Each structure stands twice: as C-alpha cells, then as structure tokens.
Amino acid sequence: MAEQVAEEVLARAERDEAEKLRRIAVHKELELEFDLGHLLATDRNPTDALRRSSAGLEPGLRALARDNTQLLVNRLWQLPATRVEEALVVQLPEPATRLPREKPLPKARPPTRWQQFARLKGIRARKKTNLVWDEARREWRRRWGYQRAKDDTKDWLIEVPHAADPMQDQFALRLRAKKERVARNEFNRLRNIARAHKLPPPPGRDGMRPTGHQDREELGRAERVAKRSTASLGRFQERLPKEKAPRGPGRKRQFQPLLGDLEAERKAQLEMLRVLGSHKPRLDVTRATNKQMREDDREEAAARRRKMGQRGKRQRKGGPPGPGAGKRKGGPPGTAGGKRKGGPPGTAGGKRRGGPLGGKKGGKPQGGKRRKGRV
C-alpha cells in the first residue's frame, strides 16, 4: 500500500515537471526573429493550422501569442543580468528594426519677409565672429550680450546733439528708443508667425490693431479704455449732450425666473430644511479649536502687556532706584526709608496731608496725638 502511494506521488511530480517544461519549452518549425531593443518577436510560421482547428480561431490565437511571448522571455533570460535593489535588470541591445513615425514629418517653416527680400536681392548671409575689437577698452569683446563691445549703456556722459534740447534727458531718450526697438521686433516676429499660419495680423496691447481696419467693437473698446484712463477712472469725464453713460465690461447679474423648475426649487428648500433641522451642526472642529487657541493666546499676551505696563508705571512714579527708594518698615523715624505713623509734621517719617500743620481739611493732624503747648 505504501509503495503504491509513493509511486502515485512520483508520477504526479513527473507530470507537473513535464507540464512546466512544456510551458517553458516551445518548439517551432521556423525560428522567430527577435529584436530585443524593441522587445519585438516576428513569427513567420504559416497559420493555416489555426483556421482548420476545431477549437476555433480565438483559442488558437491565444495559444500562439502565449508561445511567442514565452520564446521572447526565454531570449531575455539569456542576456547578462545584474541585481539592483533585489531585482534582476538586463541591458537591452540597440534596436535593429526601423519603426514608422508616429506623426508625419514637420513641414518646412515658411520664410520671413527679410528672407524673401534677401532671396529676391541675392543677399547671402555671412557668418560673423562672436568677438570684435573694442577700441575704447583695447581688448576683444563679445559682439552681443553681456560685456559686449561698444556698450553704450555703461556711458556716464552723453554728448547732447546740436539740434536737441539741452534740458532733455538723453539717458531717458536712449532707454525709450531701446524699448521701442524691442517692441517693434516682437511685433514683427508675431506678424511673421501670423503670415506663416495665414492668420490675421496680431492686434495691439488692448486687443486693438495699431492701424486702420477697426470694427465697431474695437472702436467701442478703444473709447472705453480712453475714458477710463484718467485718475478717477472716467467718473468726472465730460460727455456729449446725448451720450449715454459708459457701460462697464463686467458681467450682468443672472436672476432665476419666478416660474421655473419647481422640482429643483422643491429639492433646494427640502435640503435647507434638512440642514436647519439636523441636530448635528456643520462645524469644523479643527478650525474652531485653532480659533479658540488663538484667542486664548491673544488674551494672555494682552494681560501680560497690561501687567508689564503697570509695573513700569509704578517704577516711574517711585523714581529711580537708589538708597532709601524702597519701602522699609521699622527704620528710624525721620529717614526716607522709615515709615512712621504719628511722627512730627515736617519730617520724612511723618505723613502730612492737607495744610501746613499736616492735618486734614478740618485741621486735625494725622499720624499721632497733638501734644499740648506745641504748635
């Protein structure tokens, strides 16, 4: 009995091993062509047997795809592998198959107006060197950019032209001219792009064309911009006799109709009643806790500032600290530190309030009994 069980176990193990080998080892009449750079496997075996199969075309295609994938994986395992962070990594070779492009070839960029003019006149572009000789500094410098030759932005003195106003700022004129050149070049670049894509010319800064051919909308926009360009945003701008008040470009308020979707209105009202009648209010506990903590910190800081202010007032009222400035109990009478009740008026130890004799308004002295025969 034990021998039969052992034989069955060994037979089952052999069948499992044979099944694993059958899954890994795939036999083909014609070897596949592999391009491991693209992870590509090309099967040139005939597929007539798939069409004549009784199981159907779909299961046959699945089996064929599985076998070809297994052959591709077997070929990948033949490459030298390295271990990177507990993972096996292989370096794929260079691809050998030229795949078609995903997108068509880019079209040639159309020539600009200067290129058309240069082609018409036969002007050829000559390559210029990046360095030129600077006579002022007697050294080779770049032609453009930072630390270029003949850099007029570093001049501390500009000669006033003969016909120019001597009180005019030449540095500001030079800066304004440079900004105009940059803006003109940018506008020409946008115009070339618009011409290349067969689009209308680019508008100005506020959506208006710098030249003619303005429609009614652009003229109205230009009028609104001109009227709102004052310091008061056109509030005190004079109007023509029958001119209407300018309307801003803002959106109009949208109001719901009185008789509209009754079902949507009913749902909104029920939702409002549900929120109001719920016992659990919609409260952000974290936000409320943070707010309460900030208020407590603010109150503690205010109380601390008030306490420090009162302490400073007491110190200023008592004068600068020094000998005899503090309160001293039990000191000898007549000194600044001793506090004596009932001492003679006029001394430092006795308290005197009111008149010259040290009494109150009624004339009764404070600080002790008045002896007979003493004024």
Protein backbone atom coordinates (compact mmCIF):
# COMPACT_ATOMS: atom_id res chain seq x y z
CA MET A 1 0.00 0.00 0.00
CA ALA A 2 2.78 2.41 0.87
CA GLU A 3 4.60 1.56 -2.36
CA GLN A 4 1.50 2.45 -4.43
CA VAL A 5 1.17 5.82 -2.68
CA ALA A 6 4.85 6.59 -3.28
CA GLU A 7 4.53 5.67 -6.97
CA GLU A 8 1.49 7.93 -7.35
CA VAL A 9 3.33 10.84 -5.74
CA LEU A 10 6.36 10.34 -8.00
CA ALA A 11 4.13 10.08 -11.08
CA ARG A 12 2.30 13.27 -10.13
CA ALA A 13 5.63 15.07 -9.64
CA GLU A 14 6.86 13.89 -13.05
CA ARG A 15 3.66 15.11 -14.69
CA ASP A 16 4.00 18.51 -13.01
CA GLU A 17 7.61 18.79 -14.12
CA ALA A 18 6.67 17.82 -17.65
CA GLU A 19 3.88 20.40 -17.63
CA LYS A 20 6.33 23.09 -16.51
CA LEU A 21 8.79 22.13 -19.22
CA ARG A 22 6.00 22.13 -21.77
CA ARG A 23 5.04 25.62 -20.71
CA ILE A 24 8.64 26.89 -20.90
CA ALA A 25 10.00 24.96 -23.86
CA VAL A 26 8.26 25.89 -27.14
CA HIS A 27 9.16 24.23 -30.44
CA LYS A 28 8.72 26.00 -33.77
CA GLU A 29 9.39 24.81 -37.28
CA LEU A 30 10.88 28.17 -38.20
CA GLU A 31 12.85 30.13 -35.61
CA LEU A 32 11.45 33.50 -34.62
CA GLU A 33 13.26 36.72 -35.49
CA PHE A 34 13.95 38.76 -32.38
CA ASP A 35 14.68 42.46 -31.96
CA LEU A 36 15.26 42.76 -28.22
CA GLY A 37 15.84 46.51 -28.44
CA HIS A 38 12.13 46.94 -29.25
CA LEU A 39 11.06 43.73 -27.43
CA LEU A 40 9.85 42.51 -30.81
CA ALA A 41 9.41 38.91 -31.97
CA THR A 42 8.42 38.11 -35.56
CA ASP A 43 6.82 34.71 -36.28
CA ARG A 44 6.99 33.63 -39.94
CA ASN A 45 5.39 30.21 -39.47
CA PRO A 46 2.23 29.52 -41.51
CA THR A 47 -1.10 29.98 -39.76
CA ASP A 48 -3.16 27.57 -41.86
CA ALA A 49 -3.50 25.14 -38.94
CA LEU A 50 -5.30 27.78 -36.89
CA ARG A 51 -8.05 28.12 -39.46
CA ARG A 52 -8.55 24.34 -39.69
CA SER A 53 -8.59 23.90 -35.92
CA SER A 54 -11.81 22.53 -34.43
CA ALA A 55 -11.40 24.54 -31.19
CA GLY A 56 -11.87 27.79 -33.03
CA LEU A 57 -9.76 30.72 -34.13
CA GLU A 58 -9.76 32.67 -30.86
CA PRO A 59 -8.24 29.94 -28.63
CA GLY A 60 -5.61 29.18 -31.27
CA LEU A 61 -4.56 32.82 -31.46
CA ARG A 62 -4.30 32.99 -27.69
CA ALA A 63 -2.08 29.90 -27.60
CA LEU A 64 0.11 31.23 -30.41
CA ALA A 65 0.54 34.59 -28.64
CA ARG A 66 1.42 32.79 -25.39
CA ASP A 67 4.08 30.61 -27.09
CA ASN A 68 5.70 33.55 -28.88
CA THR A 69 5.77 35.58 -25.67
CA GLN A 70 7.41 32.64 -23.87
CA LEU A 71 10.12 32.47 -26.55
CA LEU A 72 10.74 36.20 -26.18
CA VAL A 73 11.05 35.89 -22.40
CA ASN A 74 13.43 32.95 -22.81
CA ARG A 75 15.63 35.05 -25.06
CA LEU A 76 15.63 37.89 -22.49
CA TRP A 77 16.84 35.47 -19.81
CA GLN A 78 19.87 34.70 -21.97
CA LEU A 79 21.12 38.29 -21.66
CA PRO A 80 23.62 39.19 -18.88
CA ALA A 81 21.70 40.37 -15.83
CA THR A 82 22.68 42.49 -12.84
CA ARG A 83 20.98 42.82 -9.47
CA VAL A 84 19.76 46.29 -8.47
CA GLU A 85 17.93 46.59 -5.13
CA GLU A 86 16.87 42.94 -5.02
CA ALA A 87 15.76 42.97 -8.66
CA LEU A 88 17.33 41.49 -11.79
CA VAL A 89 17.94 44.04 -14.54
CA VAL A 90 19.17 43.38 -18.09
CA GLN A 91 20.61 45.86 -20.55
CA LEU A 92 18.74 45.69 -23.86
CA PRO A 93 20.79 45.88 -27.06
CA GLU A 94 20.37 48.59 -29.65
CA PRO A 95 17.19 48.21 -31.74
CA ALA A 96 17.66 46.93 -35.26
CA THR A 97 14.16 47.41 -36.71
CA ARG A 98 13.24 50.85 -38.04
CA LEU A 99 9.71 51.57 -36.91
CA PRO A 100 7.47 54.02 -38.79
CA ARG A 101 6.94 57.51 -37.40
CA GLU A 102 4.01 58.15 -35.13
CA LYS A 103 3.41 61.61 -36.64
CA PRO A 104 4.08 62.98 -40.11
CA LEU A 105 7.23 64.89 -40.94
CA PRO A 106 7.14 68.54 -39.86
CA LYS A 107 6.52 71.00 -42.61
CA ALA A 108 9.20 73.42 -43.67
CA ARG A 109 8.96 76.77 -41.91
CA PRO A 110 7.81 79.49 -44.33
CA PRO A 111 10.34 82.25 -44.96
CA THR A 112 10.02 85.62 -43.26
CA ARG A 113 9.77 88.93 -45.08
CA TRP A 114 13.52 89.52 -44.70
CA GLN A 115 14.33 86.08 -46.08
CA GLN A 116 12.08 86.69 -49.05
CA PHE A 117 13.70 90.09 -49.64
CA ALA A 118 17.21 88.64 -49.30
CA ARG A 119 16.38 85.86 -51.78
CA LEU A 120 14.96 88.40 -54.20
CA LYS A 121 18.01 90.68 -53.97
CA GLY A 122 20.55 87.87 -53.84
CA ILE A 123 21.78 88.74 -50.35
CA ARG A 124 23.70 85.92 -48.73
CA ALA A 125 24.14 85.51 -45.03
CA ARG A 126 27.74 85.82 -43.90
CA LYS A 127 28.79 84.18 -40.68
CA LYS A 128 30.14 86.71 -38.21
CA THR A 129 32.61 86.02 -35.48
CA ASN A 130 31.47 86.28 -31.87
CA LEU A 131 34.39 88.52 -30.85
CA VAL A 132 35.13 92.04 -32.10
CA TRP A 133 37.81 94.54 -31.20
CA ASP A 134 36.75 97.26 -28.73
CA GLU A 135 38.72 100.46 -29.41
CA ALA A 136 37.68 102.10 -26.14
CA ARG A 137 38.91 99.28 -23.86
CA ARG A 138 41.59 97.95 -26.22
CA GLU A 139 40.52 94.31 -25.94
CA TRP A 140 38.47 91.65 -27.69
CA ARG A 141 34.88 91.52 -26.54
CA ARG A 142 31.64 89.79 -27.46
CA ARG A 143 29.56 91.21 -30.27
CA TRP A 144 26.26 90.92 -28.35
CA GLY A 145 25.08 90.33 -24.82
CA TYR A 146 26.81 90.86 -21.51
CA GLN A 147 30.15 92.71 -21.60
CA ARG A 148 29.78 93.38 -25.30
CA ALA A 149 31.91 95.73 -27.29
CA LYS A 150 30.79 99.36 -27.67
CA ASP A 151 28.30 99.00 -24.82
CA ASP A 152 26.58 102.40 -24.68
CA THR A 153 24.62 101.52 -21.52
CA LYS A 154 27.77 102.00 -19.42
CA ASP A 155 28.40 105.57 -20.56
CA TRP A 156 28.34 108.07 -17.71
CA LEU A 157 28.32 111.03 -20.11
CA ILE A 158 26.36 111.57 -23.32
CA GLU A 159 27.03 114.39 -25.71
CA VAL A 160 23.95 116.48 -26.45
CA PRO A 161 23.26 116.73 -30.20
CA HIS A 162 23.44 120.12 -31.83
CA ALA A 163 19.72 120.46 -32.65
CA ALA A 164 18.45 118.79 -29.43
CA ASP A 165 17.05 120.47 -26.35
CA PRO A 166 19.89 120.88 -23.82
CA MET A 167 17.46 120.35 -20.90
CA GLN A 168 16.26 116.98 -22.20
CA ASP A 169 17.45 113.77 -20.56
CA GLN A 170 19.49 111.88 -23.13
CA PHE A 171 19.69 108.74 -20.99
CA ALA A 172 15.89 108.52 -20.87
CA LEU A 173 15.71 109.05 -24.65
CA ARG A 174 18.18 106.23 -25.23
CA LEU A 175 16.24 103.89 -22.94
CA ARG A 176 12.94 104.75 -24.61
CA ALA A 177 14.42 104.12 -28.07
CA LYS A 178 15.68 100.71 -26.97
CA LYS A 179 12.25 99.74 -25.62
CA GLU A 180 10.67 100.82 -28.92
CA ARG A 181 13.13 98.70 -30.89
CA VAL A 182 12.41 95.66 -28.75
CA ALA A 183 8.65 96.15 -29.11
CA ARG A 184 8.94 96.62 -32.87
CA ASN A 185 10.99 93.44 -33.24
CA GLU A 186 8.47 91.47 -31.17
CA PHE A 187 5.59 92.79 -33.26
CA ASN A 188 7.40 91.84 -36.46
CA ARG A 189 8.01 88.35 -35.09
CA LEU A 190 4.32 87.88 -34.29
CA ARG A 191 3.37 89.24 -37.70
CA ASN A 192 5.67 86.73 -39.40
CA ILE A 193 4.08 83.89 -37.42
CA ALA A 194 0.59 85.09 -38.34
CA ARG A 195 1.55 85.33 -42.00
CA ALA A 196 3.04 81.83 -41.93
CA HIS A 197 -0.17 80.35 -40.49
CA LYS A 198 -2.40 82.51 -42.69
CA LEU A 199 -3.96 84.34 -39.76
CA PRO A 200 -4.99 87.99 -39.39
CA PRO A 201 -2.25 90.33 -38.17
CA PRO A 202 -1.73 90.43 -34.40
CA PRO A 203 -3.71 93.08 -32.50
CA GLY A 204 -2.27 95.66 -30.20
CA ARG A 205 -1.84 95.50 -26.46
CA ASP A 206 -5.53 96.06 -25.58
CA GLY A 207 -6.88 93.86 -28.34
CA MET A 208 -6.95 96.74 -30.88
CA ARG A 209 -5.00 96.89 -34.10
CA PRO A 210 -2.46 99.70 -34.28
CA THR A 211 -3.60 100.76 -37.77
CA GLY A 212 -6.93 101.02 -39.54
CA HIS A 213 -9.49 98.31 -40.30
CA GLN A 214 -11.14 98.51 -36.88
CA ASP A 215 -14.64 97.25 -36.49
CA ARG A 216 -17.37 98.65 -34.27
CA GLU A 217 -16.48 96.50 -31.29
CA GLU A 218 -12.83 97.53 -31.33
CA LEU A 219 -13.76 101.21 -31.63
CA GLY A 220 -16.10 100.90 -28.64
CA ARG A 221 -13.37 99.18 -26.65
CA ALA A 222 -10.91 101.91 -27.55
CA GLU A 223 -13.39 104.55 -26.43
CA ARG A 224 -13.95 102.85 -23.07
CA VAL A 225 -10.22 102.48 -22.47
CA ALA A 226 -9.61 106.14 -23.30
CA LYS A 227 -12.38 107.34 -20.98
CA ARG A 228 -11.25 105.17 -18.07
CA SER A 229 -7.61 106.17 -18.38
CA THR A 230 -7.96 109.13 -16.01
CA ALA A 231 -7.19 109.17 -12.28
CA SER A 232 -10.91 109.00 -11.43
CA LEU A 233 -11.50 106.15 -13.92
CA GLY A 234 -13.68 108.40 -16.07
CA ARG A 235 -16.11 109.35 -13.31
CA PHE A 236 -15.73 113.09 -13.91
CA GLN A 237 -15.13 112.85 -17.64
CA GLU A 238 -17.26 115.25 -19.72
CA ARG A 239 -19.86 113.73 -22.01
CA LEU A 240 -21.63 114.82 -25.11
CA PRO A 241 -25.19 116.14 -24.83
CA LYS A 242 -26.89 112.88 -25.88
CA GLU A 243 -24.15 110.49 -24.91
CA LYS A 244 -25.16 107.54 -22.75
CA ALA A 245 -23.35 106.54 -19.61
CA PRO A 246 -20.47 104.15 -20.33
CA ARG A 247 -21.22 100.55 -19.55
CA GLY A 248 -18.50 98.56 -17.92
CA PRO A 249 -17.25 95.29 -19.37
CA GLY A 250 -18.45 93.39 -16.28
CA ARG A 251 -20.94 90.56 -16.40
CA LYS A 252 -24.63 91.05 -15.89
CA ARG A 253 -26.24 89.51 -12.87
CA GLN A 254 -28.24 86.43 -13.68
CA PHE A 255 -31.59 86.11 -11.91
CA GLN A 256 -33.61 82.95 -11.84
CA PRO A 257 -37.10 83.18 -13.32
CA LEU A 258 -40.08 83.42 -10.99
CA LEU A 259 -41.79 80.46 -12.63
CA GLY A 260 -39.09 77.97 -13.42
CA ASP A 261 -38.13 74.44 -12.45
CA LEU A 262 -40.44 73.69 -9.50
CA GLU A 263 -38.85 70.33 -8.80
CA ALA A 264 -35.35 71.86 -8.41
CA GLU A 265 -36.74 74.60 -6.16
CA ARG A 266 -38.51 71.98 -4.04
CA LYS A 267 -35.29 69.98 -3.63
CA ALA A 268 -33.35 73.09 -2.62
CA GLN A 269 -35.94 74.04 0.01
CA LEU A 270 -36.03 70.50 1.43
CA GLU A 271 -32.26 70.44 1.64
CA MET A 272 -32.27 73.74 3.52
CA LEU A 273 -34.88 72.44 5.98
CA ARG A 274 -32.91 69.25 6.49
CA VAL A 275 -29.77 71.20 7.34
CA LEU A 276 -31.60 73.51 9.72
CA GLY A 277 -33.45 70.68 11.46
CA SER A 278 -30.45 68.37 11.89
CA HIS A 279 -29.13 68.00 15.44
CA LYS A 280 -25.51 67.82 14.29
CA PRO A 281 -24.48 71.24 13.01
CA ARG A 282 -21.90 71.53 10.29
CA LEU A 283 -18.93 72.56 12.39
CA ASP A 284 -15.28 72.27 11.53
CA VAL A 285 -13.86 71.12 14.87
CA THR A 286 -10.24 71.67 13.90
CA ARG A 287 -10.84 75.19 12.69
CA ALA A 288 -12.91 76.10 15.76
CA THR A 289 -10.24 74.69 18.11
CA ASN A 290 -7.48 76.62 16.39
CA LYS A 291 -9.53 79.81 16.55
CA GLN A 292 -10.16 79.36 20.28
CA MET A 293 -6.47 78.69 20.93
CA ARG A 294 -5.51 81.84 19.03
CA GLU A 295 -7.99 83.90 21.05
CA ASP A 296 -6.62 82.48 24.33
CA ASP A 297 -3.05 83.28 23.28
CA ARG A 298 -4.12 86.80 22.31
CA GLU A 299 -5.80 87.37 25.67
CA GLU A 300 -2.78 86.08 27.61
CA ALA A 301 -0.47 88.34 25.60
CA ALA A 302 -2.72 91.36 26.28
CA ALA A 303 -2.84 90.59 30.03
CA ARG A 304 0.94 90.24 30.09
CA ARG A 305 1.37 93.59 28.35
CA ARG A 306 -1.01 95.29 30.81
CA LYS A 307 0.89 93.82 33.74
CA MET A 308 4.21 94.98 32.39
CA GLY A 309 2.78 98.47 31.78
CA GLN A 310 1.51 98.76 35.35
CA ARG A 311 4.86 97.65 36.70
CA GLY A 312 6.64 100.25 34.60
CA LYS A 313 4.27 102.98 35.83
CA ARG A 314 4.99 102.10 39.48
CA GLN A 315 8.70 102.21 38.87
CA ARG A 316 8.49 105.62 37.16
CA LYS A 317 6.29 107.01 39.95
CA GLY A 318 8.70 105.92 42.70
CA GLY A 319 11.71 107.45 40.99
CA PRO A 320 14.97 105.78 40.12
CA PRO A 321 16.13 103.03 42.43
CA GLY A 322 18.69 104.07 44.99
CA PRO A 323 19.35 104.25 48.67
CA GLY A 324 16.15 104.98 50.50
CA ALA A 325 13.94 104.45 47.47
CA GLY A 326 12.35 101.22 48.63
CA LYS A 327 9.82 100.83 51.43
CA ARG A 328 11.36 99.98 54.71
CA LYS A 329 9.40 99.08 57.77
CA GLY A 330 10.82 99.57 61.18
CA GLY A 331 13.52 102.04 60.22
CA PRO A 332 14.45 105.02 62.33
CA PRO A 333 11.97 107.85 62.11
CA GLY A 334 12.97 110.86 60.11
CA THR A 335 14.70 108.93 57.37
CA ALA A 336 13.44 108.36 53.87
CA GLY A 337 13.23 104.63 54.30
CA GLY A 338 11.33 104.59 57.60
CA LYS A 339 7.59 104.92 57.64
CA ARG A 340 6.47 106.42 60.89
CA LYS A 341 2.96 106.87 61.99
CA GLY A 342 2.33 109.76 64.26
CA GLY A 343 5.70 111.44 63.79
CA PRO A 344 6.15 115.18 63.95
CA PRO A 345 4.96 117.02 60.89
CA GLY A 346 7.58 118.24 58.51
CA THR A 347 9.84 115.27 58.96
CA ALA A 348 10.34 112.48 56.50
CA GLY A 349 8.95 109.89 58.87
CA GLY A 350 5.54 111.50 59.43
CA LYS A 351 2.71 111.76 56.93
CA ARG A 352 1.27 115.18 56.32
CA ARG A 353 -1.79 115.75 54.22
CA GLY A 354 -3.60 119.00 53.70
CA GLY A 355 -2.48 122.19 55.46
CA PRO A 356 0.87 123.26 56.77
CA LEU A 357 0.26 121.58 60.13
CA GLY A 358 -0.14 118.22 58.50
CA GLY A 359 -3.86 117.78 59.20
CA LYS A 360 -6.85 117.16 57.00
CA LYS A 361 -9.31 119.77 55.85
CA GLY A 362 -10.72 120.03 59.32
CA GLY A 363 -7.33 120.86 60.79
CA LYS A 364 -6.89 117.61 62.72
CA PRO A 365 -3.35 116.41 62.30
CA GLN A 366 -2.67 112.90 61.06
CA GLY A 367 -0.05 110.49 62.24
CA GLY A 368 -0.34 110.95 66.06
CA LYS A 369 -1.81 112.86 69.02
CA ARG A 370 -1.08 116.54 69.29
CA ARG A 371 0.76 117.49 72.40
CA LYS A 372 -0.17 120.48 74.42
CA GLY A 373 1.87 123.59 74.05
CA ARG A 374 3.29 122.59 70.67
CA VAL A 375 2.37 124.36 67.54
